Amino acid sequence: MISVVIVSGYTGNTSTNTASTPNGIVYVGSWDHNVYALNAATGTKIWSYTTGDVVLSSPTVSNGIVYVGSQDHNVYALNAATGTKVWSYNTGNGVNSSPTIANGIG
């Protein structure tokens, strides 16, 4: 894992979460309401997914799915390759903490 302070060029905003970097892809959330997948070698944007509020949660990646929380009260499961939403769950409150996966269970 790497700490990301600013994801410039794409967000224009600060990111204070920890990026997940499996398979040469950096997954990071931003204060601009987006989750980004970036090529770790070049920094090229692969995809972005817009949530309804800032993303303070650090993404977790398991079995091709990116799990991340947002201040819009949702936890999202996104396809790691495409950024397409697989599902979301409304927690009833902003999500600051990072999802954890163990033995295929979150």
PDB file of N, CA and C in Angstrom:
ATOM      1  N   MET A   1       0.825  -1.169   0.000  1.00  0.00           N
ATOM      2  CA  MET A   1       0.000   0.000   0.000  1.00  0.00           C
ATOM      3  C   MET A   1       0.880   1.246   0.000  1.00  0.00           C
ATOM      4  N   ILE A   2       0.374   2.294  -0.637  1.00  0.00           N
ATOM      5  CA  ILE A   2       1.072   3.569  -0.644  1.00  0.00           C
ATOM      6  C   ILE A   2       0.132   4.647  -0.147  1.00  0.00           C
ATOM      7  N   SER A   3       0.674   5.622   0.528  1.00  0.00           N
ATOM      8  CA  SER A   3      -0.164   6.738   0.966  1.00  0.00           C
ATOM      9  C   SER A   3      -0.234   7.754  -0.143  1.00  0.00           C
ATOM     10  N   VAL A   4      -1.425   8.240  -0.406  1.00  0.00           N
ATOM     11  CA  VAL A   4      -1.633   9.229  -1.452  1.00  0.00           C
ATOM     12  C   VAL A   4      -2.074  10.522  -0.789  1.00  0.00           C
ATOM     13  N   VAL A   5      -1.356  11.590  -1.051  1.00  0.00           N
ATOM     14  CA  VAL A   5      -1.721  12.876  -0.483  1.00  0.00           C
ATOM     15  C   VAL A   5      -2.552  13.653  -1.486  1.00  0.00           C
ATOM     16  N   ILE A   6      -2.123  13.701  -2.733  1.00  0.00           N
ATOM     17  CA  ILE A   6      -2.870  14.409  -3.763  1.00  0.00           C
ATOM     18  C   ILE A   6      -2.827  13.597  -5.048  1.00  0.00           C
ATOM     19  N   VAL A   7      -3.958  13.420  -5.672  1.00  0.00           N
ATOM     20  CA  VAL A   7      -4.034  12.808  -6.991  1.00  0.00           C
ATOM     21  C   VAL A   7      -4.281  13.963  -7.944  1.00  0.00           C
ATOM     22  N   SER A   8      -3.215  14.545  -8.438  1.00  0.00           N
ATOM     23  CA  SER A   8      -3.368  15.728  -9.277  1.00  0.00           C
ATOM     24  C   SER A   8      -3.571  15.338 -10.727  1.00  0.00           C
ATOM     25  N   GLY A   9      -4.060  16.264 -11.495  1.00  0.00           N
ATOM     26  CA  GLY A   9      -4.298  16.021 -12.907  1.00  0.00           C
ATOM     27  C   GLY A   9      -5.668  15.428 -13.166  1.00  0.00           C
ATOM     28  N   TYR A  10      -6.221  14.688 -12.222  1.00  0.00           N
ATOM     29  CA  TYR A  10      -7.540  14.093 -12.393  1.00  0.00           C
ATOM     30  C   TYR A  10      -8.550  14.716 -11.455  1.00  0.00           C
ATOM     31  N   THR A  11      -8.179  14.887 -10.195  1.00  0.00           N
ATOM     32  CA  THR A  11      -9.167  15.280  -9.209  1.00  0.00           C
ATOM     33  C   THR A  11      -9.186  16.769  -8.930  1.00  0.00           C
ATOM     34  N   GLY A  12      -8.024  17.404  -8.919  1.00  0.00           N
ATOM     35  CA  GLY A  12      -7.949  18.786  -8.498  1.00  0.00           C
ATOM     36  C   GLY A  12      -8.266  18.926  -7.025  1.00  0.00           C
ATOM     37  N   ASN A  13      -8.360  17.802  -6.326  1.00  0.00           N
ATOM     38  CA  ASN A  13      -8.699  17.767  -4.912  1.00  0.00           C
ATOM     39  C   ASN A  13      -7.719  16.875  -4.165  1.00  0.00           C
ATOM     40  N   THR A  14      -7.802  16.923  -2.861  1.00  0.00           N
ATOM     41  CA  THR A  14      -6.945  16.132  -2.002  1.00  0.00           C
ATOM     42  C   THR A  14      -7.522  14.746  -1.785  1.00  0.00           C
ATOM     43  N   SER A  15      -6.637  13.780  -1.619  1.00  0.00           N
ATOM     44  CA  SER A  15      -7.017  12.444  -1.195  1.00  0.00           C
ATOM     45  C   SER A  15      -6.180  12.121   0.024  1.00  0.00           C
ATOM     46  N   THR A  16      -6.818  11.739   1.117  1.00  0.00           N
ATOM     47  CA  THR A  16      -6.078  11.456   2.336  1.00  0.00           C
ATOM     48  C   THR A  16      -6.175   9.996   2.740  1.00  0.00           C
ATOM     49  N   ASN A  17      -6.676   9.149   1.852  1.00  0.00           N
ATOM     50  CA  ASN A  17      -6.759   7.741   2.189  1.00  0.00           C
ATOM     51  C   ASN A  17      -5.534   7.001   1.664  1.00  0.00           C
ATOM     52  N   THR A  18      -5.471   5.710   1.918  1.00  0.00           N
ATOM     53  CA  THR A  18      -4.366   4.878   1.466  1.00  0.00           C
ATOM     54  C   THR A  18      -4.790   4.144   0.214  1.00  0.00           C
ATOM     55  N   ALA A  19      -3.963   4.190  -0.797  1.00  0.00           N
ATOM     56  CA  ALA A  19      -4.291   3.540  -2.061  1.00  0.00           C
ATOM     57  C   ALA A  19      -3.999   2.051  -1.986  1.00  0.00           C
ATOM     58  N   SER A  20      -4.794   1.280  -2.684  1.00  0.00           N
ATOM     59  CA  SER A  20      -4.560  -0.141  -2.834  1.00  0.00           C
ATOM     60  C   SER A  20      -3.944  -0.354  -4.210  1.00  0.00           C
ATOM     61  N   THR A  21      -2.897  -1.195  -4.318  1.00  0.00           N
ATOM     62  CA  THR A  21      -2.162  -1.308  -5.574  1.00  0.00           C
ATOM     63  C   THR A  21      -1.962  -2.751  -6.051  1.00  0.00           C
ATOM     64  N   PRO A  22      -2.994  -3.542  -6.174  1.00  0.00           N
ATOM     65  CA  PRO A  22      -2.802  -4.894  -6.706  1.00  0.00           C
ATOM     66  C   PRO A  22      -2.628  -4.880  -8.223  1.00  0.00           C
ATOM     67  N   ASN A  23      -1.834  -5.794  -8.734  1.00  0.00           N
ATOM     68  CA  ASN A  23      -1.680  -5.992 -10.181  1.00  0.00           C
ATOM     69  C   ASN A  23      -1.295  -4.739 -10.948  1.00  0.00           C
ATOM     70  N   GLY A  24      -0.511  -3.855 -10.335  1.00  0.00           N
ATOM     71  CA  GLY A  24      -0.035  -2.677 -11.047  1.00  0.00           C
ATOM     72  C   GLY A  24      -1.064  -1.598 -11.266  1.00  0.00           C
ATOM     73  N   ILE A  25      -2.168  -1.655 -10.531  1.00  0.00           N
ATOM     74  CA  ILE A  25      -3.204  -0.629 -10.630  1.00  0.00           C
ATOM     75  C   ILE A  25      -3.364   0.024  -9.261  1.00  0.00           C
ATOM     76  N   VAL A  26      -3.408   1.346  -9.238  1.00  0.00           N
ATOM     77  CA  VAL A  26      -3.618   2.098  -8.000  1.00  0.00           C
ATOM     78  C   VAL A  26      -5.101   2.442  -7.917  1.00  0.00           C
ATOM     79  N   TYR A  27      -5.745   2.033  -6.825  1.00  0.00           N
ATOM     80  CA  TYR A  27      -7.143   2.373  -6.571  1.00  0.00           C
ATOM     81  C   TYR A  27      -7.158   3.356  -5.419  1.00  0.00           C
ATOM     82  N   VAL A  28      -7.770   4.532  -5.621  1.00  0.00           N
ATOM     83  CA  VAL A  28      -7.782   5.568  -4.593  1.00  0.00           C
ATOM     84  C   VAL A  28      -9.070   6.384  -4.680  1.00  0.00           C
ATOM     85  N   GLY A  29      -9.556   6.802  -3.515  1.00  0.00           N
ATOM     86  CA  GLY A  29     -10.719   7.677  -3.454  1.00  0.00           C
ATOM     87  C   GLY A  29     -10.274   9.114  -3.322  1.00  0.00           C
ATOM     88  N   SER A  30     -11.175  10.057  -3.602  1.00  0.00           N
ATOM     89  CA  SER A  30     -10.823  11.471  -3.584  1.00  0.00           C
ATOM     90  C   SER A  30     -11.951  12.316  -3.013  1.00  0.00           C
ATOM     91  N   TRP A  31     -11.582  13.522  -2.605  1.00  0.00           N
ATOM     92  CA  TRP A  31     -12.559  14.479  -2.110  1.00  0.00           C
ATOM     93  C   TRP A  31     -13.447  15.014  -3.231  1.00  0.00           C
ATOM     94  N   ASP A  32     -13.140  14.687  -4.471  1.00  0.00           N
ATOM     95  CA  ASP A  32     -13.986  15.127  -5.587  1.00  0.00           C
ATOM     96  C   ASP A  32     -15.121  14.142  -5.865  1.00  0.00           C
ATOM     97  N   HIS A  33     -15.372  13.216  -4.913  1.00  0.00           N
ATOM     98  CA  HIS A  33     -16.474  12.247  -4.944  1.00  0.00           C
ATOM     99  C   HIS A  33     -16.178  11.029  -5.807  1.00  0.00           C
ATOM    100  N   ASN A  34     -14.953  10.883  -6.296  1.00  0.00           N
ATOM    101  CA  ASN A  34     -14.634   9.784  -7.201  1.00  0.00           C
ATOM    102  C   ASN A  34     -13.710   8.753  -6.594  1.00  0.00           C
ATOM    103  N   VAL A  35     -13.820   7.533  -7.133  1.00  0.00           N
ATOM    104  CA  VAL A  35     -12.852   6.465  -6.912  1.00  0.00           C
ATOM    105  C   VAL A  35     -12.126   6.326  -8.240  1.00  0.00           C
ATOM    106  N   TYR A  36     -10.794   6.262  -8.191  1.00  0.00           N
ATOM    107  CA  TYR A  36      -9.984   6.183  -9.408  1.00  0.00           C
ATOM    108  C   TYR A  36      -9.198   4.889  -9.471  1.00  0.00           C
ATOM    109  N   ALA A  37      -9.032   4.375 -10.684  1.00  0.00           N
ATOM    110  CA  ALA A  37      -8.093   3.303 -10.980  1.00  0.00           C
ATOM    111  C   ALA A  37      -7.050   3.904 -11.909  1.00  0.00           C
ATOM    112  N   LEU A  38      -5.792   3.885 -11.458  1.00  0.00           N
ATOM    113  CA  LEU A  38      -4.699   4.480 -12.225  1.00  0.00           C
ATOM    114  C   LEU A  38      -3.627   3.437 -12.490  1.00  0.00           C
ATOM    115  N   ASN A  39      -3.006   3.516 -13.650  1.00  0.00           N
ATOM    116  CA  ASN A  39      -1.869   2.648 -13.956  1.00  0.00           C
ATOM    117  C   ASN A  39      -0.726   3.044 -13.025  1.00  0.00           C
ATOM    118  N   ALA A  40      -0.216   2.095 -12.234  1.00  0.00           N
ATOM    119  CA  ALA A  40       0.815   2.402 -11.236  1.00  0.00           C
ATOM    120  C   ALA A  40       2.131   2.834 -11.871  1.00  0.00           C
ATOM    121  N   ALA A  41       2.419   2.375 -13.066  1.00  0.00           N
ATOM    122  CA  ALA A  41       3.685   2.713 -13.721  1.00  0.00           C
ATOM    123  C   ALA A  41       3.643   4.074 -14.412  1.00  0.00           C
ATOM    124  N   THR A  42       2.479   4.418 -14.983  1.00  0.00           N
ATOM    125  CA  THR A  42       2.415   5.636 -15.792  1.00  0.00           C
ATOM    126  C   THR A  42       1.525   6.726 -15.195  1.00  0.00           C
ATOM    127  N   GLY A  43       0.639   6.358 -14.273  1.00  0.00           N
ATOM    128  CA  GLY A  43      -0.302   7.326 -13.717  1.00  0.00           C
ATOM    129  C   GLY A  43      -1.508   7.583 -14.606  1.00  0.00           C
ATOM    130  N   THR A  44      -1.609   6.869 -15.707  1.00  0.00           N
ATOM    131  CA  THR A  44      -2.729   7.035 -16.632  1.00  0.00           C
ATOM    132  C   THR A  44      -4.026   6.541 -15.989  1.00  0.00           C
ATOM    133  N   LYS A  45      -5.079   7.338 -16.120  1.00  0.00           N
ATOM    134  CA  LYS A  45      -6.378   6.933 -15.585  1.00  0.00           C
ATOM    135  C   LYS A  45      -6.937   5.785 -16.403  1.00  0.00           C
ATOM    136  N   ILE A  46      -7.352   4.728 -15.710  1.00  0.00           N
ATOM    137  CA  ILE A  46      -7.989   3.581 -16.346  1.00  0.00           C
ATOM    138  C   ILE A  46      -9.504   3.768 -16.300  1.00  0.00           C
ATOM    139  N   TRP A  47     -10.026   4.142 -15.141  1.00  0.00           N
ATOM    140  CA  TRP A  47     -11.446   4.443 -14.978  1.00  0.00           C
ATOM    141  C   TRP A  47     -11.654   5.277 -13.726  1.00  0.00           C
ATOM    142  N   SER A  48     -12.841   5.864 -13.625  1.00  0.00           N
ATOM    143  CA  SER A  48     -13.264   6.530 -12.395  1.00  0.00           C
ATOM    144  C   SER A  48     -14.735   6.234 -12.179  1.00  0.00           C
ATOM    145  N   TYR A  49     -15.150   6.234 -10.913  1.00  0.00           N
ATOM    146  CA  TYR A  49     -16.551   6.022 -10.559  1.00  0.00           C
ATOM    147  C   TYR A  49     -16.951   7.143  -9.602  1.00  0.00           C
ATOM    148  N   THR A  50     -18.047   7.818  -9.892  1.00  0.00           N
ATOM    149  CA  THR A  50     -18.501   8.941  -9.080  1.00  0.00           C
ATOM    150  C   THR A  50     -19.511   8.481  -8.038  1.00  0.00           C
ATOM    151  N   THR A  51     -19.219   8.787  -6.768  1.00  0.00           N
ATOM    152  CA  THR A  51     -20.153   8.535  -5.675  1.00  0.00           C
ATOM    153  C   THR A  51     -20.899   9.835  -5.387  1.00  0.00           C
ATOM    154  N   GLY A  52     -21.749   9.831  -4.382  1.00  0.00           N
ATOM    155  CA  GLY A  52     -22.532  11.013  -4.078  1.00  0.00           C
ATOM    156  C   GLY A  52     -21.882  11.999  -3.128  1.00  0.00           C
ATOM    157  N   ASP A  53     -20.652  11.706  -2.667  1.00  0.00           N
ATOM    158  CA  ASP A  53     -19.973  12.593  -1.717  1.00  0.00           C
ATOM    159  C   ASP A  53     -18.492  12.214  -1.685  1.00  0.00           C
ATOM    160  N   VAL A  54     -17.730  12.865  -0.807  1.00  0.00           N
ATOM    161  CA  VAL A  54     -16.294  12.603  -0.720  1.00  0.00           C
ATOM    162  C   VAL A  54     -16.029  11.153  -0.336  1.00  0.00           C
ATOM    163  N   VAL A  55     -14.873  10.645  -0.784  1.00  0.00           N
ATOM    164  CA  VAL A  55     -14.468   9.273  -0.487  1.00  0.00           C
ATOM    165  C   VAL A  55     -13.248   9.345   0.434  1.00  0.00           C
ATOM    166  N   LEU A  56     -13.488   9.142   1.731  1.00  0.00           N
ATOM    167  CA  LEU A  56     -12.419   9.156   2.726  1.00  0.00           C
ATOM    168  C   LEU A  56     -11.916   7.748   3.024  1.00  0.00           C
ATOM    169  N   SER A  57     -12.697   6.762   2.695  1.00  0.00           N
ATOM    170  CA  SER A  57     -12.375   5.358   2.912  1.00  0.00           C
ATOM    171  C   SER A  57     -11.293   4.904   1.931  1.00  0.00           C
ATOM    172  N   SER A  58     -10.368   4.080   2.419  1.00  0.00           N
ATOM    173  CA  SER A  58      -9.365   3.491   1.534  1.00  0.00           C
ATOM    174  C   SER A  58      -9.965   2.275   0.836  1.00  0.00           C
ATOM    175  N   PRO A  59      -9.805   2.172  -0.489  1.00  0.00           N
ATOM    176  CA  PRO A  59     -10.343   1.019  -1.208  1.00  0.00           C
ATOM    177  C   PRO A  59      -9.655  -0.281  -0.800  1.00  0.00           C
ATOM    178  N   THR A  60     -10.427  -1.359  -0.812  1.00  0.00           N
ATOM    179  CA  THR A  60      -9.923  -2.708  -0.602  1.00  0.00           C
ATOM    180  C   THR A  60     -10.269  -3.506  -1.846  1.00  0.00           C
ATOM    181  N   VAL A  61      -9.316  -4.302  -2.346  1.00  0.00           N
ATOM    182  CA  VAL A  61      -9.543  -5.074  -3.565  1.00  0.00           C
ATOM    183  C   VAL A  61      -9.433  -6.561  -3.247  1.00  0.00           C
ATOM    184  N   SER A  62     -10.437  -7.321  -3.685  1.00  0.00           N
ATOM    185  CA  SER A  62     -10.431  -8.769  -3.495  1.00  0.00           C
ATOM    186  C   SER A  62     -11.207  -9.428  -4.626  1.00  0.00           C
ATOM    187  N   ASN A  63     -10.606 -10.435  -5.226  1.00  0.00           N
ATOM    188  CA  ASN A  63     -11.267 -11.221  -6.276  1.00  0.00           C
ATOM    189  C   ASN A  63     -11.903 -10.374  -7.365  1.00  0.00           C
ATOM    190  N   GLY A  64     -11.179  -9.350  -7.819  1.00  0.00           N
ATOM    191  CA  GLY A  64     -11.654  -8.537  -8.934  1.00  0.00           C
ATOM    192  C   GLY A  64     -12.697  -7.501  -8.576  1.00  0.00           C
ATOM    193  N   ILE A  65     -12.928  -7.268  -7.277  1.00  0.00           N
ATOM    194  CA  ILE A  65     -13.908  -6.283  -6.827  1.00  0.00           C
ATOM    195  C   ILE A  65     -13.206  -5.260  -5.932  1.00  0.00           C
ATOM    196  N   VAL A  66     -13.507  -3.971  -6.164  1.00  0.00           N
ATOM    197  CA  VAL A  66     -13.016  -2.881  -5.328  1.00  0.00           C
ATOM    198  C   VAL A  66     -14.135  -2.512  -4.362  1.00  0.00           C
ATOM    199  N   TYR A  67     -13.853  -2.585  -3.072  1.00  0.00           N
ATOM    200  CA  TYR A  67     -14.822  -2.220  -2.035  1.00  0.00           C
ATOM    201  C   TYR A  67     -14.381  -0.894  -1.433  1.00  0.00           C
ATOM    202  N   VAL A  68     -15.300   0.072  -1.354  1.00  0.00           N
ATOM    203  CA  VAL A  68     -14.953   1.389  -0.831  1.00  0.00           C
ATOM    204  C   VAL A  68     -16.199   2.065  -0.260  1.00  0.00           C
ATOM    205  N   GLY A  69     -15.998   2.834   0.789  1.00  0.00           N
ATOM    206  CA  GLY A  69     -17.100   3.577   1.395  1.00  0.00           C
ATOM    207  C   GLY A  69     -17.048   5.038   0.990  1.00  0.00           C
ATOM    208  N   SER A  70     -18.195   5.723   1.089  1.00  0.00           N
ATOM    209  CA  SER A  70     -18.298   7.131   0.742  1.00  0.00           C
ATOM    210  C   SER A  70     -19.082   7.865   1.823  1.00  0.00           C
ATOM    211  N   GLN A  71     -18.891   9.164   1.888  1.00  0.00           N
ATOM    212  CA  GLN A  71     -19.663   9.981   2.813  1.00  0.00           C
ATOM    213  C   GLN A  71     -21.124  10.094   2.382  1.00  0.00           C
ATOM    214  N   ASP A  72     -21.477   9.536   1.236  1.00  0.00           N
ATOM    215  CA  ASP A  72     -22.875   9.534   0.789  1.00  0.00           C
ATOM    216  C   ASP A  72     -23.683   8.416   1.461  1.00  0.00           C
ATOM    217  N   HIS A  73     -23.084   7.772   2.483  1.00  0.00           N
ATOM    218  CA  HIS A  73     -23.732   6.741   3.298  1.00  0.00           C
ATOM    219  C   HIS A  73     -23.721   5.365   2.642  1.00  0.00           C
ATOM    220  N   ASN A  74     -22.915   5.172   1.602  1.00  0.00           N
ATOM    221  CA  ASN A  74     -22.892   3.891   0.905  1.00  0.00           C
ATOM    222  C   ASN A  74     -21.524   3.232   0.928  1.00  0.00           C
ATOM    223  N   VAL A  75     -21.563   1.903   0.921  1.00  0.00           N
ATOM    224  CA  VAL A  75     -20.391   1.084   0.618  1.00  0.00           C
ATOM    225  C   VAL A  75     -20.633   0.565  -0.792  1.00  0.00           C
ATOM    226  N   TYR A  76     -19.611   0.673  -1.629  1.00  0.00           N
ATOM    227  CA  TYR A  76     -19.719   0.258  -3.022  1.00  0.00           C
ATOM    228  C   TYR A  76     -18.840  -0.950  -3.306  1.00  0.00           C
ATOM    229  N   ALA A  77     -19.322  -1.808  -4.188  1.00  0.00           N
ATOM    230  CA  ALA A  77     -18.533  -2.882  -4.775  1.00  0.00           C
ATOM    231  C   ALA A  77     -18.443  -2.562  -6.265  1.00  0.00           C
ATOM    232  N   LEU A  78     -17.221  -2.325  -6.740  1.00  0.00           N
ATOM    233  CA  LEU A  78     -17.000  -1.938  -8.131  1.00  0.00           C
ATOM    234  C   LEU A  78     -16.159  -2.989  -8.827  1.00  0.00           C
ATOM    235  N   ASN A  79     -16.453  -3.245 -10.088  1.00  0.00           N
ATOM    236  CA  ASN A  79     -15.630  -4.153 -10.885  1.00  0.00           C
ATOM    237  C   ASN A  79     -14.248  -3.527 -11.004  1.00  0.00           C
ATOM    238  N   ALA A  80     -13.206  -4.241 -10.574  1.00  0.00           N
ATOM    239  CA  ALA A  80     -11.844  -3.690 -10.545  1.00  0.00           C
ATOM    240  C   ALA A  80     -11.305  -3.381 -11.937  1.00  0.00           C
ATOM    241  N   ALA A  81     -11.758  -4.090 -12.953  1.00  0.00           N
ATOM    242  CA  ALA A  81     -11.258  -3.882 -14.309  1.00  0.00           C
ATOM    243  C   ALA A  81     -11.954  -2.731 -15.024  1.00  0.00           C
ATOM    244  N   THR A  82     -13.257  -2.537 -14.731  1.00  0.00           N
ATOM    245  CA  THR A  82     -14.047  -1.569 -15.497  1.00  0.00           C
ATOM    246  C   THR A  82     -14.577  -0.391 -14.686  1.00  0.00           C
ATOM    247  N   GLY A  83     -14.663  -0.541 -13.358  1.00  0.00           N
ATOM    248  CA  GLY A  83     -15.243   0.502 -12.523  1.00  0.00           C
ATOM    249  C   GLY A  83     -16.757   0.476 -12.481  1.00  0.00           C
ATOM    250  N   THR A  84     -17.364  -0.496 -13.107  1.00  0.00           N
ATOM    251  CA  THR A  84     -18.816  -0.624 -13.105  1.00  0.00           C
ATOM    252  C   THR A  84     -19.307  -1.044 -11.721  1.00  0.00           C
ATOM    253  N   LYS A  85     -20.385  -0.416 -11.247  1.00  0.00           N
ATOM    254  CA  LYS A  85     -20.941  -0.773  -9.947  1.00  0.00           C
ATOM    255  C   LYS A  85     -21.542  -2.168  -9.997  1.00  0.00           C
ATOM    256  N   VAL A  86     -21.106  -3.015  -9.058  1.00  0.00           N
ATOM    257  CA  VAL A  86     -21.659  -4.353  -8.907  1.00  0.00           C
ATOM    258  C   VAL A  86     -22.838  -4.286  -7.946  1.00  0.00           C
ATOM    259  N   TRP A  87     -22.647  -3.582  -6.829  1.00  0.00           N
ATOM    260  CA  TRP A  87     -23.712  -3.339  -5.861  1.00  0.00           C
ATOM    261  C   TRP A  87     -23.302  -2.191  -4.954  1.00  0.00           C
ATOM    262  N   SER A  88     -24.283  -1.673  -4.206  1.00  0.00           N
ATOM    263  CA  SER A  88     -24.011  -0.695  -3.157  1.00  0.00           C
ATOM    264  C   SER A  88     -24.933  -1.005  -1.986  1.00  0.00           C
ATOM    265  N   TYR A  89     -24.504  -0.580  -0.796  1.00  0.00           N
ATOM    266  CA  TYR A  89     -25.286  -0.801   0.413  1.00  0.00           C
ATOM    267  C   TYR A  89     -25.334   0.495   1.205  1.00  0.00           C
ATOM    268  N   ASN A  90     -26.531   0.955   1.529  1.00  0.00           N
ATOM    269  CA  ASN A  90     -26.698   2.180   2.295  1.00  0.00           C
ATOM    270  C   ASN A  90     -26.571   1.873   3.779  1.00  0.00           C
ATOM    271  N   THR A  91     -25.584   2.499   4.432  1.00  0.00           N
ATOM    272  CA  THR A  91     -25.308   2.258   5.845  1.00  0.00           C
ATOM    273  C   THR A  91     -26.099   3.173   6.763  1.00  0.00           C
ATOM    274  N   GLY A  92     -26.693   4.232   6.214  1.00  0.00           N
ATOM    275  CA  GLY A  92     -27.426   5.189   7.020  1.00  0.00           C
ATOM    276  C   GLY A  92     -26.551   6.287   7.600  1.00  0.00           C
ATOM    277  N   ASN A  93     -25.245   6.226   7.317  1.00  0.00           N
ATOM    278  CA  ASN A  93     -24.324   7.242   7.798  1.00  0.00           C
ATOM    279  C   ASN A  93     -23.092   7.265   6.897  1.00  0.00           C
ATOM    280  N   GLY A  94     -22.329   8.353   6.941  1.00  0.00           N
ATOM    281  CA  GLY A  94     -21.106   8.440   6.149  1.00  0.00           C
ATOM    282  C   GLY A  94     -20.129   7.340   6.524  1.00  0.00           C
ATOM    283  N   VAL A  95     -19.391   6.849   5.550  1.00  0.00           N
ATOM    284  CA  VAL A  95     -18.445   5.752   5.777  1.00  0.00           C
ATOM    285  C   VAL A  95     -17.021   6.304   5.720  1.00  0.00           C
ATOM    286  N   ASN A  96     -16.353   6.330   6.872  1.00  0.00           N
ATOM    287  CA  ASN A  96     -14.962   6.775   6.952  1.00  0.00           C
ATOM    288  C   ASN A  96     -13.988   5.608   6.944  1.00  0.00           C
ATOM    289  N   SER A  97     -14.397   4.490   7.509  1.00  0.00           N
ATOM    290  CA  SER A  97     -13.491   3.358   7.643  1.00  0.00           C
ATOM    291  C   SER A  97     -13.391   2.583   6.330  1.00  0.00           C
ATOM    292  N   SER A  98     -12.354   1.779   6.249  1.00  0.00           N
ATOM    293  CA  SER A  98     -12.083   1.007   5.036  1.00  0.00           C
ATOM    294  C   SER A  98     -12.615  -0.412   5.168  1.00  0.00           C
ATOM    295  N   PRO A  99     -13.252  -0.923   4.124  1.00  0.00           N
ATOM    296  CA  PRO A  99     -13.737  -2.302   4.167  1.00  0.00           C
ATOM    297  C   PRO A  99     -12.582  -3.284   4.321  1.00  0.00           C
ATOM    298  N   THR A 100     -12.859  -4.383   5.001  1.00  0.00           N
ATOM    299  CA  THR A 100     -11.883  -5.454   5.164  1.00  0.00           C
ATOM    300  C   THR A 100     -12.504  -6.745   4.660  1.00  0.00           C
ATOM    301  N   ILE A 101     -11.734  -7.517   3.920  1.00  0.00           N
ATOM    302  CA  ILE A 101     -12.179  -8.783   3.379  1.00  0.00           C
ATOM    303  C   ILE A 101     -11.313  -9.892   3.976  1.00  0.00           C
ATOM    304  N   ALA A 102     -11.942 -10.941   4.499  1.00  0.00           N
ATOM    305  CA  ALA A 102     -11.223 -12.105   5.020  1.00  0.00           C
ATOM    306  C   ALA A 102     -11.987 -13.347   4.603  1.00  0.00           C
ATOM    307  N   ASN A 103     -11.302 -14.266   3.956  1.00  0.00           N
ATOM    308  CA  ASN A 103     -11.916 -15.508   3.491  1.00  0.00           C
ATOM    309  C   ASN A 103     -13.142 -15.251   2.627  1.00  0.00           C
ATOM    310  N   GLY A 104     -13.061 -14.199   1.809  1.00  0.00           N
ATOM    311  CA  GLY A 104     -14.137 -13.873   0.886  1.00  0.00           C
ATOM    312  C   GLY A 104     -15.327 -13.191   1.511  1.00  0.00           C
ATOM    313  N   ILE A 105     -15.228 -12.814   2.783  1.00  0.00           N
ATOM    314  CA  ILE A 105     -16.335 -12.166   3.488  1.00  0.00           C
ATOM    315  C   ILE A 105     -15.901 -10.794   3.949  1.00  0.00           C
ATOM    316  N   GLY A 106     -16.758  -9.789   3.716  1.00  0.00           N
ATOM    317  CA  GLY A 106     -16.439  -8.410   4.104  1.00  0.00           C
ATOM    318  C   GLY A 106     -16.894  -8.084   5.496  1.00  0.00           C
TER     319      GLY A 106
END
